[in-house]
Amino acid sequence: MRKYEIMFIVKSTNESDEIKSSSEAMKKNITDNKGKVVDFNELGEKKLAYPIKKEISGYYYVMVVEADNNAISEFDRKALINENILRHLIIRLDEE
């Protein structure tokens, strides 16, 4: 299993419960596919550099995970489908 850093932005116009459930669903997506969430940070609401889907701010989340390619592919697919996720970025961390 490789280490990845995943950042995603959730719409800030949603209710706080819906924002929390969206972030938990993304976290659960990794664990359901036999991955391990090493670190999970909520960076809070930040103003976007430019509007995305008519949104001007969003809640930022960063997590470090250990997962295989299948789990990362599934996360990517679900993040693209989920309407509450504005953007996401997956970075493979170098082996130390």
Protein backbone atom coordinates (compact mmCIF):
# COMPACT_ATOMS: atom_id res chain seq x y z
CA MET A 1 0.00 0.00 0.00
CA ARG A 2 1.16 3.48 -0.86
CA LYS A 3 0.74 6.73 1.02
CA TYR A 4 -1.37 9.49 -0.50
CA GLU A 5 -2.39 12.97 0.53
CA ILE A 6 -5.94 13.88 -0.48
CA MET A 7 -7.40 17.38 -0.34
CA PHE A 8 -11.04 18.08 -1.08
CA ILE A 9 -13.34 21.09 -0.85
CA VAL A 10 -16.97 20.79 0.28
CA LYS A 11 -19.62 23.38 -0.61
CA SER A 12 -20.06 25.90 2.20
CA THR A 13 -23.67 26.73 1.30
CA ASN A 14 -24.82 23.37 2.70
CA GLU A 15 -26.04 22.87 6.26
CA SER A 16 -23.29 22.05 8.78
CA ASP A 17 -24.63 18.48 9.19
CA GLU A 18 -24.47 17.93 5.44
CA ILE A 19 -20.91 19.29 5.27
CA LYS A 20 -19.85 16.93 8.08
CA SER A 21 -21.59 13.93 6.48
CA SER A 22 -19.92 14.66 3.12
CA SER A 23 -16.48 14.67 4.72
CA GLU A 24 -17.25 11.49 6.68
CA ALA A 25 -18.50 9.80 3.49
CA MET A 26 -15.20 10.58 1.74
CA LYS A 27 -13.28 9.24 4.73
CA LYS A 28 -15.46 6.11 4.84
CA ASN A 29 -14.90 5.59 1.12
CA ILE A 30 -11.20 4.92 1.79
CA THR A 31 -11.80 2.55 4.72
CA ASP A 32 -14.49 0.62 2.84
CA ASN A 33 -11.93 -0.14 0.13
CA LYS A 34 -9.37 -1.58 2.57
CA GLY A 35 -7.45 1.67 2.97
CA LYS A 36 -6.31 3.30 6.19
CA VAL A 37 -6.79 6.97 7.10
CA VAL A 38 -3.57 7.99 8.86
CA ASP A 39 -4.39 11.67 9.43
CA PHE A 40 -7.55 13.75 8.87
CA ASN A 41 -7.56 17.55 9.17
CA GLU A 42 -10.38 20.03 8.76
CA LEU A 43 -8.88 23.32 7.64
CA GLY A 44 -12.19 25.18 7.91
CA GLU A 45 -13.99 27.53 5.58
CA LYS A 46 -11.84 29.51 3.17
CA LYS A 47 -12.55 31.88 0.31
CA LEU A 48 -11.86 30.33 -3.09
CA ALA A 49 -9.43 32.02 -5.47
CA TYR A 50 -12.13 31.96 -8.14
CA PRO A 51 -15.78 30.83 -8.21
CA ILE A 52 -16.32 27.10 -8.69
CA LYS A 53 -19.86 26.06 -9.64
CA LYS A 54 -21.04 29.52 -8.50
CA GLU A 55 -19.54 28.99 -5.02
CA ILE A 56 -17.15 31.59 -3.58
CA SER A 57 -16.07 29.69 -0.44
CA GLY A 58 -15.73 26.11 0.71
CA TYR A 59 -14.69 23.86 3.59
CA TYR A 60 -11.22 22.41 3.07
CA TYR A 61 -10.22 18.94 4.26
CA VAL A 62 -6.84 17.20 4.01
CA MET A 63 -6.22 13.56 4.79
CA VAL A 64 -3.22 11.27 4.57
CA VAL A 65 -4.13 7.71 3.67
CA GLU A 66 -2.47 4.38 3.02
CA ALA A 67 -4.31 2.64 0.21
CA ASP A 68 -3.90 0.68 -2.99
CA ASN A 69 -4.73 1.89 -6.50
CA ASN A 70 -8.27 0.47 -6.42
CA ALA A 71 -9.21 2.47 -3.31
CA ILE A 72 -7.78 5.67 -4.78
CA SER A 73 -9.57 5.11 -8.10
CA GLU A 74 -12.85 4.55 -6.27
CA PHE A 75 -12.33 7.69 -4.16
CA ASP A 76 -11.66 9.70 -7.33
CA ARG A 77 -14.79 8.32 -9.00
CA LYS A 78 -17.04 9.07 -6.01
CA ALA A 79 -15.58 12.55 -5.52
CA LEU A 80 -16.40 13.38 -9.14
CA ILE A 81 -19.98 12.12 -8.73
CA ASN A 82 -20.68 13.80 -5.37
CA GLU A 83 -22.34 17.18 -5.96
CA ASN A 84 -21.18 18.50 -2.56
CA ILE A 85 -17.50 18.15 -3.47
CA LEU A 86 -16.29 21.18 -5.44
CA ARG A 87 -12.71 20.00 -6.10
CA HIS A 88 -10.34 17.29 -4.99
CA LEU A 89 -6.66 16.57 -5.42
CA ILE A 90 -4.82 13.29 -4.85
CA ILE A 91 -1.04 13.32 -4.44
CA ARG A 92 1.11 10.21 -4.01
CA LEU A 93 3.70 10.84 -1.32
CA ASP A 94 7.26 9.72 -2.01
CA GLU A 95 8.66 6.72 -0.22
CA GLU A 96 10.91 7.78 2.63
